[in-house]
């Protein structure tokens, strides 16, 4: 589904605004549903990483990784099969829980790519100046 098709199906009022909007990168649409869709993943990830801490401490990293993977799988399935906004939001929340559990358990490995990218950027900086 393309972006226009996605907006037409789940956010029809945003799609109508998009057709008549002038280009402004800061506030193109003013829609609570779209804002909830965007922020639900991050809020759920934050809550999940707080919940995952005692689970990891009491049951180990393996159980936390399995819980995170299952949450992510359920969220991806819900998003793929979404018929309305509520189902789409629930899928995003489950994806957020999966990411939150994964970040709690795999902190070192999730920060490692950032270190590589930062190192490469700093090393290549003189080439671009």
C-alpha atoms as a PDB file:
ATOM      1  CA  UNK A   1       0.000   0.000   0.000  1.00  0.00           C
ATOM      2  CA  UNK A   2       1.419   3.384  -0.956  1.00  0.00           C
ATOM      3  CA  UNK A   3       1.501   6.364   1.392  1.00  0.00           C
ATOM      4  CA  UNK A   4      -1.543   7.905  -0.304  1.00  0.00           C
ATOM      5  CA  UNK A   5      -3.424   4.629  -0.046  1.00  0.00           C
ATOM      6  CA  UNK A   6      -2.447   4.297   3.599  1.00  0.00           C
ATOM      7  CA  UNK A   7      -3.618   7.825   4.397  1.00  0.00           C
ATOM      8  CA  UNK A   8      -6.829   7.379   2.401  1.00  0.00           C
ATOM      9  CA  UNK A   9      -7.668   4.176   4.293  1.00  0.00           C
ATOM     10  CA  UNK A  10      -6.680   5.053   7.878  1.00  0.00           C
ATOM     11  CA  UNK A  11      -6.542   8.869   7.936  1.00  0.00           C
ATOM     12  CA  UNK A  12      -8.979  10.198   5.292  1.00  0.00           C
ATOM     13  CA  UNK A  13      -9.106  13.707   6.781  1.00  0.00           C
ATOM     14  CA  UNK A  14      -5.297  13.917   6.669  1.00  0.00           C
ATOM     15  CA  UNK A  15      -5.376  12.767   3.049  1.00  0.00           C
ATOM     16  CA  UNK A  16      -7.780  15.575   2.182  1.00  0.00           C
ATOM     17  CA  UNK A  17      -5.574  18.109   3.978  1.00  0.00           C
ATOM     18  CA  UNK A  18      -2.539  16.733   2.146  1.00  0.00           C
ATOM     19  CA  UNK A  19      -4.108  17.398  -1.236  1.00  0.00           C
ATOM     20  CA  UNK A  20      -4.611  21.067  -0.365  1.00  0.00           C
ATOM     21  CA  UNK A  21      -1.526  21.658   1.809  1.00  0.00           C
ATOM     22  CA  UNK A  22       1.280  23.992   0.956  1.00  0.00           C
ATOM     23  CA  UNK A  23       4.766  22.701   1.673  1.00  0.00           C
ATOM     24  CA  UNK A  24       5.712  23.325   5.284  1.00  0.00           C
ATOM     25  CA  UNK A  25       7.954  20.797   6.986  1.00  0.00           C
ATOM     26  CA  UNK A  26       6.952  21.746  10.522  1.00  0.00           C
ATOM     27  CA  UNK A  27       3.175  21.569  10.705  1.00  0.00           C
ATOM     28  CA  UNK A  28       1.653  20.094   7.603  1.00  0.00           C
ATOM     29  CA  UNK A  29      -1.170  18.204   9.315  1.00  0.00           C
ATOM     30  CA  UNK A  30      -2.951  18.773  12.594  1.00  0.00           C
ATOM     31  CA  UNK A  31      -4.484  15.400  13.392  1.00  0.00           C
ATOM     32  CA  UNK A  32      -4.651  13.671  16.774  1.00  0.00           C
ATOM     33  CA  UNK A  33      -4.986  10.186  15.253  1.00  0.00           C
ATOM     34  CA  UNK A  34      -1.860  10.622  13.161  1.00  0.00           C
ATOM     35  CA  UNK A  35       0.020  11.973  16.186  1.00  0.00           C
ATOM     36  CA  UNK A  36      -1.138   8.985  18.260  1.00  0.00           C
ATOM     37  CA  UNK A  37      -0.057   6.624  15.474  1.00  0.00           C
ATOM     38  CA  UNK A  38       3.396   8.205  15.343  1.00  0.00           C
ATOM     39  CA  UNK A  39       4.059   8.444  19.079  1.00  0.00           C
ATOM     40  CA  UNK A  40       2.452   5.161  20.183  1.00  0.00           C
ATOM     41  CA  UNK A  41       5.504   3.126  19.167  1.00  0.00           C
ATOM     42  CA  UNK A  42       7.891   5.275  21.189  1.00  0.00           C
ATOM     43  CA  UNK A  43       5.714   5.505  24.286  1.00  0.00           C
ATOM     44  CA  UNK A  44       5.126   1.742  24.267  1.00  0.00           C
ATOM     45  CA  UNK A  45       8.867   1.153  23.860  1.00  0.00           C
ATOM     46  CA  UNK A  46       9.577   3.334  26.869  1.00  0.00           C
ATOM     47  CA  UNK A  47       6.997   1.555  29.035  1.00  0.00           C
ATOM     48  CA  UNK A  48       8.141  -1.863  27.840  1.00  0.00           C
ATOM     49  CA  UNK A  49      11.786  -1.216  28.637  1.00  0.00           C
ATOM     50  CA  UNK A  50      10.760  -0.254  32.170  1.00  0.00           C
ATOM     51  CA  UNK A  51       8.659  -3.441  32.478  1.00  0.00           C
ATOM     52  CA  UNK A  52      11.362  -5.604  30.924  1.00  0.00           C
ATOM     53  CA  UNK A  53      13.922  -4.742  33.570  1.00  0.00           C
ATOM     54  CA  UNK A  54      12.428  -6.834  36.407  1.00  0.00           C
ATOM     55  CA  UNK A  55      11.506  -9.611  33.974  1.00  0.00           C
ATOM     56  CA  UNK A  56      15.115  -9.777  32.760  1.00  0.00           C
ATOM     57  CA  UNK A  57      16.425  -9.686  36.324  1.00  0.00           C
ATOM     58  CA  UNK A  58      14.081 -12.446  37.565  1.00  0.00           C
ATOM     59  CA  UNK A  59      13.836 -14.749  34.547  1.00  0.00           C
ATOM     60  CA  UNK A  60      16.924 -14.013  32.452  1.00  0.00           C
ATOM     61  CA  UNK A  61      17.658 -12.462  29.091  1.00  0.00           C
ATOM     62  CA  UNK A  62      16.417 -15.416  27.072  1.00  0.00           C
ATOM     63  CA  UNK A  63      12.819 -15.056  28.309  1.00  0.00           C
ATOM     64  CA  UNK A  64      12.950 -11.291  27.714  1.00  0.00           C
ATOM     65  CA  UNK A  65      14.204 -11.785  24.161  1.00  0.00           C
ATOM     66  CA  UNK A  66      11.435 -14.315  23.495  1.00  0.00           C
ATOM     67  CA  UNK A  67       8.802 -11.936  24.932  1.00  0.00           C
ATOM     68  CA  UNK A  68      10.143  -9.093  22.812  1.00  0.00           C
ATOM     69  CA  UNK A  69      10.189 -11.217  19.680  1.00  0.00           C
ATOM     70  CA  UNK A  70       6.645 -12.444  20.247  1.00  0.00           C
ATOM     71  CA  UNK A  71       5.399  -8.903  20.900  1.00  0.00           C
ATOM     72  CA  UNK A  72       7.083  -7.699  17.725  1.00  0.00           C
ATOM     73  CA  UNK A  73       5.647 -10.594  15.709  1.00  0.00           C
ATOM     74  CA  UNK A  74       2.123  -9.939  17.022  1.00  0.00           C
ATOM     75  CA  UNK A  75       2.512  -6.215  16.297  1.00  0.00           C
ATOM     76  CA  UNK A  76       3.712  -6.793  12.749  1.00  0.00           C
ATOM     77  CA  UNK A  77       0.842  -9.200  12.130  1.00  0.00           C
ATOM     78  CA  UNK A  78      -1.701  -6.738  13.517  1.00  0.00           C
ATOM     79  CA  UNK A  79      -0.305  -3.924  11.387  1.00  0.00           C
ATOM     80  CA  UNK A  80      -0.313  -6.061   8.266  1.00  0.00           C
ATOM     81  CA  UNK A  81      -3.932  -7.119   8.853  1.00  0.00           C
ATOM     82  CA  UNK A  82      -5.194  -3.762  10.174  1.00  0.00           C
ATOM     83  CA  UNK A  83      -8.684  -2.815   9.046  1.00  0.00           C
ATOM     84  CA  UNK A  84      -9.166   0.293  11.201  1.00  0.00           C
ATOM     85  CA  UNK A  85      -7.218   2.821  13.242  1.00  0.00           C
ATOM     86  CA  UNK A  86      -7.672   0.970  16.558  1.00  0.00           C
ATOM     87  CA  UNK A  87      -6.145  -2.206  15.127  1.00  0.00           C
ATOM     88  CA  UNK A  88      -3.312  -0.176  13.609  1.00  0.00           C
ATOM     89  CA  UNK A  89      -2.579   1.539  16.939  1.00  0.00           C
ATOM     90  CA  UNK A  90      -2.655  -1.765  18.811  1.00  0.00           C
ATOM     91  CA  UNK A  91      -0.162  -3.176  16.316  1.00  0.00           C
ATOM     92  CA  UNK A  92       2.127  -0.181  16.785  1.00  0.00           C
ATOM     93  CA  UNK A  93       1.921  -0.544  20.564  1.00  0.00           C
ATOM     94  CA  UNK A  94       2.862  -4.219  20.317  1.00  0.00           C
ATOM     95  CA  UNK A  95       5.771  -3.301  18.032  1.00  0.00           C
ATOM     96  CA  UNK A  96       6.861  -0.781  20.651  1.00  0.00           C
ATOM     97  CA  UNK A  97       6.737  -3.424  23.358  1.00  0.00           C
ATOM     98  CA  UNK A  98       8.875  -5.701  21.210  1.00  0.00           C
ATOM     99  CA  UNK A  99      11.421  -2.946  20.633  1.00  0.00           C
ATOM    100  CA  UNK A 100      11.411  -2.000  24.324  1.00  0.00           C
ATOM    101  CA  UNK A 101      12.086  -5.564  25.432  1.00  0.00           C
ATOM    102  CA  UNK A 102      14.798  -5.896  22.804  1.00  0.00           C
ATOM    103  CA  UNK A 103      16.494  -2.666  23.858  1.00  0.00           C
ATOM    104  CA  UNK A 104      16.432  -3.716  27.503  1.00  0.00           C
ATOM    105  CA  UNK A 105      18.162  -6.992  26.756  1.00  0.00           C
ATOM    106  CA  UNK A 106      20.447  -6.010  23.886  1.00  0.00           C
ATOM    107  CA  UNK A 107      21.664  -2.587  24.986  1.00  0.00           C
ATOM    108  CA  UNK A 108      25.271  -3.215  24.119  1.00  0.00           C
ATOM    109  CA  UNK A 109      24.578  -4.662  20.694  1.00  0.00           C
ATOM    110  CA  UNK A 110      22.054  -1.915  19.826  1.00  0.00           C
ATOM    111  CA  UNK A 111      24.539   0.828  20.735  1.00  0.00           C
ATOM    112  CA  UNK A 112      27.383  -0.815  18.827  1.00  0.00           C
ATOM    113  CA  UNK A 113      26.189   0.272  15.333  1.00  0.00           C
ATOM    114  CA  UNK A 114      25.902   3.851  16.606  1.00  0.00           C
ATOM    115  CA  UNK A 115      29.520   3.727  17.759  1.00  0.00           C
ATOM    116  CA  UNK A 116      30.602   2.425  14.354  1.00  0.00           C
ATOM    117  CA  UNK A 117      28.646   5.101  12.481  1.00  0.00           C
ATOM    118  CA  UNK A 118      29.911   7.873  14.775  1.00  0.00           C
ATOM    119  CA  UNK A 119      33.493   6.642  14.391  1.00  0.00           C
ATOM    120  CA  UNK A 120      33.168   6.475  10.615  1.00  0.00           C
ATOM    121  CA  UNK A 121      31.595   9.949  10.480  1.00  0.00           C
ATOM    122  CA  UNK A 122      34.308  11.491  12.633  1.00  0.00           C
ATOM    123  CA  UNK A 123      37.015   9.762  10.615  1.00  0.00           C
ATOM    124  CA  UNK A 124      35.580  10.936   7.292  1.00  0.00           C
ATOM    125  CA  UNK A 125      34.824  14.488   8.440  1.00  0.00           C
ATOM    126  CA  UNK A 126      38.148  15.938   7.184  1.00  0.00           C
ATOM    127  CA  UNK A 127      37.371  14.542   3.727  1.00  0.00           C
ATOM    128  CA  UNK A 128      34.231  16.709   3.446  1.00  0.00           C
ATOM    129  CA  UNK A 129      35.602  19.952   4.899  1.00  0.00           C
END
